[in-house]
Amino acid sequence: MDHEKYTGTAGYIGLGNMGGGIATRLARTGVKLVVFDIDPNAVDKLVAETASAASSVGELATASDTIIVCVDPEHIVKQVVQELVEHLRPGKSVVIQSSVSPTSLFEVARLVEGTGATLYDAPVSGSVEDRVNGTLSVLVGASPDTVGSDKPLLERIGRPLYLGTLGGGEVAKLCNNAIMTTTRTVASEMMKFAKAYGLTEEDVREAVAISSGASWVLDNWDYFDQRISAGLTLRMSPKQVEEILAAANEKGVRLRMLESVLEHGLDIDKERFRLLTGKDPDTVL
């Protein structure tokens, strides 16, 4: 797919599983890229892909027109933006690609006020392959006009959806995570139910794929099983659900189904872990 050329210099902060894949994609598609991470090995991998290494957040900010932040957890996002502030000026933009609460996003946006720089959120969703192939869903908390010259850069990362308002991307990402987690949790229960009646998991997946319950979760069931087997889901899923419930609580919204997922989801995931690995799930928690 042909993309309009991004003519500036992009800076990428945070080269973990998600950020490293996205930064690799940008480097391989000819974007002039400066990177920073506390892990020198992660930086070296990007330098091998033609990126330049910055010795600090400030050095990266000075050298970059668009600064993308993809770090975790939320307090580190705030710390990074605080370090950026003195190096920002009109014409620069800060893109929060980390998944953070709307409240935290508004807090870091206030830090940038007065610098003349633009800040917006653009969290992503997709698989490992999507990161490197540039086919992630990019949920942008801004309008195309606000994004301006960053638009070609976002299009190299994936398929941008412009939600028009600051925080819109983070809210949409929380909605996506909630629906995905709930679907995955119920699907795990239904696999157990079907087995009791003599159907295999493949039978269930094939039947649902041509029926009204078809979903990305079941289409990518092996991917989710890999994450459960590695212990990632056991460690991360409860935290994600808690974050969504906390954000809802700030607006006085009760999410009863997610409350149930928080109450029972970990036990369901532990059961799935035992089935897949034959191991005690508490060994990875």
Protein backbone atom coordinates (compact mmCIF):
# COMPACT_ATOMS: atom_id res chain seq x y z
CA MET A 1 0.00 0.00 0.00
CA ASP A 2 1.35 3.43 -0.96
CA HIS A 3 1.45 6.06 1.78
CA GLU A 4 1.87 9.79 1.66
CA LYS A 5 5.41 10.53 2.79
CA TYR A 6 6.07 11.67 6.36
CA THR A 7 8.72 14.36 5.98
CA GLY A 8 9.63 15.07 9.60
CA THR A 9 11.70 13.25 12.21
CA ALA A 10 9.82 10.89 14.51
CA GLY A 11 10.97 10.08 18.02
CA TYR A 12 9.84 6.84 19.67
CA ILE A 13 10.06 6.37 23.44
CA GLY A 14 9.46 2.84 24.73
CA LEU A 15 10.68 -0.15 22.73
CA GLY A 16 8.87 -2.99 24.48
CA ASN A 17 6.72 -5.63 22.81
CA MET A 18 4.35 -3.11 21.26
CA GLY A 19 6.63 -0.10 20.86
CA GLY A 20 9.53 -2.11 19.53
CA GLY A 21 7.37 -3.62 16.80
CA ILE A 22 5.90 -0.27 15.80
CA ALA A 23 9.28 1.46 15.78
CA THR A 24 10.68 -1.35 13.64
CA ARG A 25 7.85 -0.83 11.17
CA LEU A 26 8.57 2.91 10.99
CA ALA A 27 12.30 2.37 10.46
CA ARG A 28 11.73 -0.22 7.74
CA THR A 29 9.38 2.07 5.83
CA GLY A 30 11.89 4.88 5.57
CA VAL A 31 10.82 7.14 8.43
CA LYS A 32 13.66 9.19 9.89
CA LEU A 33 13.55 7.83 13.42
CA VAL A 34 15.16 8.58 16.78
CA VAL A 35 14.57 6.12 19.62
CA PHE A 36 14.99 5.94 23.39
CA ASP A 37 14.55 3.13 25.89
CA ILE A 38 16.13 2.23 29.22
CA ASP A 39 17.02 -1.17 27.71
CA PRO A 40 20.16 -0.72 25.56
CA ASN A 41 19.52 -4.02 23.76
CA ALA A 42 16.14 -2.77 22.55
CA VAL A 43 17.79 0.41 21.30
CA ASP A 44 20.55 -1.53 19.52
CA LYS A 45 17.95 -3.54 17.59
CA LEU A 46 16.42 -0.34 16.25
CA VAL A 47 19.79 1.20 15.44
CA ALA A 48 20.41 -1.91 13.33
CA GLU A 49 17.19 -0.97 11.48
CA THR A 50 18.61 2.52 10.63
CA ALA A 51 17.17 4.42 13.61
CA SER A 52 19.32 6.85 15.60
CA ALA A 53 19.70 6.46 19.37
CA ALA A 54 19.05 9.31 21.80
CA SER A 55 20.84 9.33 25.14
CA SER A 56 17.88 10.91 26.95
CA VAL A 57 14.22 11.82 26.57
CA GLY A 58 15.26 15.45 26.23
CA GLU A 59 17.73 14.74 23.43
CA LEU A 60 15.06 12.79 21.57
CA ALA A 61 12.53 15.60 22.00
CA THR A 62 14.94 18.20 20.68
CA ALA A 63 15.69 16.12 17.58
CA SER A 64 12.08 15.13 16.80
CA ASP A 65 9.04 16.74 15.23
CA THR A 66 6.65 14.01 16.36
CA ILE A 67 7.30 12.31 19.70
CA ILE A 68 5.51 9.01 20.32
CA VAL A 69 5.31 7.71 23.88
CA CYS A 70 4.66 3.99 24.43
CA VAL A 71 5.67 3.19 28.00
CA ASP A 72 3.98 1.56 30.98
CA PRO A 73 2.65 2.00 33.67
CA GLU A 74 0.79 5.31 33.84
CA HIS A 75 3.11 7.05 36.28
CA ILE A 76 6.00 6.44 33.88
CA VAL A 77 3.97 8.07 31.09
CA LYS A 78 3.58 11.16 33.28
CA GLN A 79 7.28 11.12 34.15
CA VAL A 80 8.27 10.95 30.48
CA VAL A 81 5.97 13.82 29.50
CA GLN A 82 7.33 15.92 32.37
CA GLU A 83 10.83 15.36 30.97
CA LEU A 84 9.63 16.33 27.50
CA VAL A 85 7.97 19.61 28.44
CA GLU A 86 11.00 21.90 28.53
CA HIS A 87 12.03 20.70 25.06
CA LEU A 88 8.65 21.25 23.37
CA ARG A 89 7.76 24.16 21.13
CA PRO A 90 5.11 25.12 18.55
CA GLY A 91 5.05 22.68 15.64
CA LYS A 92 6.02 19.63 17.67
CA SER A 93 3.48 16.98 18.62
CA VAL A 94 3.34 14.42 21.42
CA VAL A 95 1.45 11.21 20.69
CA ILE A 96 0.46 9.06 23.66
CA GLN A 97 0.39 5.51 22.33
CA SER A 98 0.38 3.99 25.82
CA SER A 99 -2.95 2.68 27.09
CA VAL A 100 -3.78 5.02 29.97
CA SER A 101 -6.94 6.14 31.74
CA PRO A 102 -8.72 9.20 30.34
CA THR A 103 -7.96 11.04 33.59
CA SER A 104 -4.23 10.36 33.30
CA LEU A 105 -4.28 11.49 29.68
CA PHE A 106 -5.92 14.79 30.62
CA GLU A 107 -3.27 15.27 33.32
CA VAL A 108 -0.38 14.88 30.87
CA ALA A 109 -2.18 17.10 28.36
CA ARG A 110 -2.24 19.87 30.97
CA LEU A 111 1.53 19.48 31.38
CA VAL A 112 1.98 20.29 27.69
CA GLU A 113 -0.34 23.31 27.74
CA GLY A 114 1.61 26.51 27.23
CA THR A 115 4.41 24.89 25.23
CA GLY A 116 2.69 25.43 21.88
CA ALA A 117 3.03 21.73 21.11
CA THR A 118 0.08 19.47 20.29
CA LEU A 119 -0.73 16.38 22.36
CA TYR A 120 -3.19 13.64 21.43
CA ASP A 121 -3.77 9.98 22.16
CA ALA A 122 -3.40 7.17 19.62
CA PRO A 123 -3.43 3.75 21.34
CA VAL A 124 -3.41 0.71 19.09
CA SER A 125 -4.92 -2.75 18.88
CA GLY A 126 -3.76 -5.80 16.97
CA SER A 127 -1.42 -8.77 16.86
CA VAL A 128 2.36 -9.10 16.81
CA GLU A 129 2.22 -9.45 13.03
CA ASP A 130 0.11 -6.29 12.75
CA ARG A 131 2.82 -4.28 14.52
CA VAL A 132 5.49 -5.11 11.98
CA ASN A 133 3.16 -5.17 8.96
CA GLY A 134 1.61 -1.78 9.66
CA THR A 135 -1.93 -3.14 10.01
CA LEU A 136 -2.73 -2.16 13.59
CA SER A 137 -5.94 -0.35 14.42
CA VAL A 138 -4.90 3.15 15.53
CA LEU A 139 -7.53 4.83 17.73
CA VAL A 140 -6.84 8.56 17.50
CA GLY A 141 -8.16 10.99 20.09
CA ALA A 142 -8.11 13.91 17.66
CA SER A 143 -9.42 15.07 14.30
CA PRO A 144 -7.42 14.75 11.07
CA ASP A 145 -6.94 18.54 11.16
CA THR A 146 -5.40 18.35 14.66
CA VAL A 147 -3.08 15.53 13.62
CA GLY A 148 -2.01 17.48 10.53
CA SER A 149 1.35 16.41 9.17
CA ASP A 150 1.42 13.36 11.49
CA LYS A 151 -1.26 11.67 9.39
CA PRO A 152 1.18 9.85 7.05
CA LEU A 153 3.09 8.62 10.11
CA LEU A 154 -0.03 7.15 11.70
CA GLU A 155 -0.91 5.50 8.39
CA ARG A 156 2.43 3.69 8.38
CA ILE A 157 1.56 2.26 11.81
CA GLY A 158 -1.86 1.02 10.70
CA ARG A 159 -5.42 2.09 10.03
CA PRO A 160 -6.22 5.33 11.90
CA LEU A 161 -9.73 5.96 13.15
CA TYR A 162 -10.20 9.62 14.10
CA LEU A 163 -12.46 9.93 17.14
CA GLY A 164 -12.31 13.71 17.21
CA THR A 165 -11.69 14.54 20.84
CA LEU A 166 -8.79 14.22 23.28
CA GLY A 167 -9.16 10.96 25.19
CA GLY A 168 -11.41 9.42 22.55
CA GLY A 169 -8.74 6.92 21.58
CA GLU A 170 -8.16 5.80 25.16
CA VAL A 171 -11.90 5.45 25.83
CA ALA A 172 -12.35 3.41 22.64
CA LYS A 173 -9.38 1.21 23.63
CA LEU A 174 -10.95 0.56 27.04
CA CYS A 175 -14.23 -0.39 25.34
CA ASN A 176 -12.35 -2.73 23.01
CA ASN A 177 -10.47 -4.36 25.88
CA ALA A 178 -13.68 -4.84 27.86
CA ILE A 179 -15.54 -6.46 24.97
CA MET A 180 -12.55 -8.63 24.03
CA THR A 181 -11.96 -9.80 27.62
CA THR A 182 -15.63 -10.54 28.23
CA THR A 183 -15.89 -12.46 24.95
CA ARG A 184 -12.75 -14.46 25.69
CA THR A 185 -13.91 -15.31 29.21
CA VAL A 186 -17.34 -16.49 28.06
CA ALA A 187 -15.77 -18.44 25.19
CA SER A 188 -13.55 -20.33 27.64
CA GLU A 189 -16.63 -21.33 29.61
CA MET A 190 -18.45 -22.42 26.45
CA MET A 191 -15.54 -24.62 25.38
CA LYS A 192 -15.88 -26.47 28.68
CA PHE A 193 -19.65 -26.74 28.19
CA ALA A 194 -19.29 -28.07 24.64
CA LYS A 195 -16.70 -30.66 25.69
CA ALA A 196 -19.13 -32.06 28.26
CA TYR A 197 -21.52 -32.77 25.38
CA GLY A 198 -18.90 -34.31 23.11
CA LEU A 199 -17.93 -31.39 20.87
CA THR A 200 -14.33 -30.37 20.30
CA GLU A 201 -13.09 -26.80 20.49
CA GLU A 202 -12.58 -26.86 16.73
CA ASP A 203 -16.24 -27.88 16.32
CA VAL A 204 -17.29 -24.86 18.36
CA ARG A 205 -15.04 -22.46 16.48
CA GLU A 206 -16.25 -23.67 13.09
CA ALA A 207 -19.90 -23.47 14.12
CA VAL A 208 -19.63 -20.02 15.64
CA ALA A 209 -17.58 -18.68 12.70
CA ILE A 210 -20.60 -19.13 10.40
CA SER A 211 -23.14 -18.00 13.00
CA SER A 212 -24.16 -14.83 14.82
CA GLY A 213 -21.54 -15.31 17.56
CA ALA A 214 -18.59 -14.95 15.16
CA SER A 215 -15.79 -12.86 16.64
CA TRP A 216 -12.15 -11.85 16.30
CA VAL A 217 -11.49 -13.63 19.60
CA LEU A 218 -12.50 -17.05 18.27
CA ASP A 219 -10.82 -16.39 14.92
CA ASN A 220 -7.59 -15.84 16.86
CA TRP A 221 -8.17 -18.42 19.61
CA ASP A 222 -4.68 -19.91 19.28
CA TYR A 223 -3.16 -16.46 19.90
CA PHE A 224 -5.11 -16.12 23.14
CA ASP A 225 -4.15 -19.64 24.22
CA GLN A 226 -0.49 -18.76 23.65
CA ARG A 227 -0.86 -15.72 25.91
CA ILE A 228 -2.58 -17.79 28.60
CA SER A 229 0.07 -20.53 28.39
CA ALA A 230 2.81 -17.92 28.79
CA GLY A 231 1.12 -16.54 31.91
CA LEU A 232 0.58 -13.13 30.32
CA THR A 233 -3.20 -13.20 30.56
CA LEU A 234 -3.14 -14.29 34.20
CA ARG A 235 -0.95 -11.33 35.11
CA MET A 236 -2.46 -8.66 32.89
CA SER A 237 -6.18 -9.30 32.44
CA PRO A 238 -7.36 -8.53 36.01
CA LYS A 239 -5.40 -5.26 35.94
CA GLN A 240 -7.00 -4.24 32.64
CA VAL A 241 -10.50 -4.95 33.96
CA GLU A 242 -9.79 -2.97 37.13
CA GLU A 243 -8.64 0.00 35.02
CA ILE A 244 -11.88 -0.03 33.01
CA LEU A 245 -14.02 -0.25 36.13
CA ALA A 246 -12.08 2.62 37.73
CA ALA A 247 -12.60 4.81 34.66
CA ALA A 248 -16.32 3.98 34.66
CA ASN A 249 -16.59 4.75 38.35
CA GLU A 250 -15.19 8.24 37.76
CA LYS A 251 -18.26 8.93 35.60
CA GLY A 252 -20.68 7.19 37.95
CA VAL A 253 -21.24 4.32 35.51
CA ARG A 254 -21.66 0.80 36.85
CA LEU A 255 -20.51 -2.04 34.58
CA ARG A 256 -22.12 -5.15 36.06
CA MET A 257 -20.85 -7.62 33.48
CA LEU A 258 -17.27 -6.46 33.96
CA GLU A 259 -17.69 -6.71 37.72
CA SER A 260 -18.56 -10.37 37.13
CA VAL A 261 -15.54 -10.82 34.87
CA LEU A 262 -13.31 -9.33 37.57
CA GLU A 263 -14.82 -11.67 40.15
CA HIS A 264 -14.64 -14.88 38.12
CA GLY A 265 -12.29 -14.22 35.19
CA LEU A 266 -9.02 -15.08 36.90
CA ASP A 267 -10.34 -18.45 38.08
CA ILE A 268 -11.57 -19.20 34.55
CA ASP A 269 -8.17 -18.25 33.12
CA LYS A 270 -6.39 -20.37 35.72
CA GLU A 271 -8.52 -23.34 34.70
CA ARG A 272 -7.63 -22.74 31.06
CA PHE A 273 -3.93 -22.46 31.98
CA ARG A 274 -4.06 -25.85 33.73
CA LEU A 275 -5.79 -27.41 30.72
CA LEU A 276 -3.21 -26.05 28.27
CA THR A 277 -0.01 -26.56 30.29
CA GLY A 278 -0.75 -29.11 33.00
CA LYS A 279 0.92 -26.73 35.46
CA ASP A 280 -0.15 -24.88 38.59
CA PRO A 281 -1.15 -21.34 37.52
CA ASP A 282 0.01 -19.87 40.80
CA THR A 283 3.60 -20.51 39.68
CA VAL A 284 3.33 -17.68 37.13
CA LEU A 285 1.51 -15.17 39.33
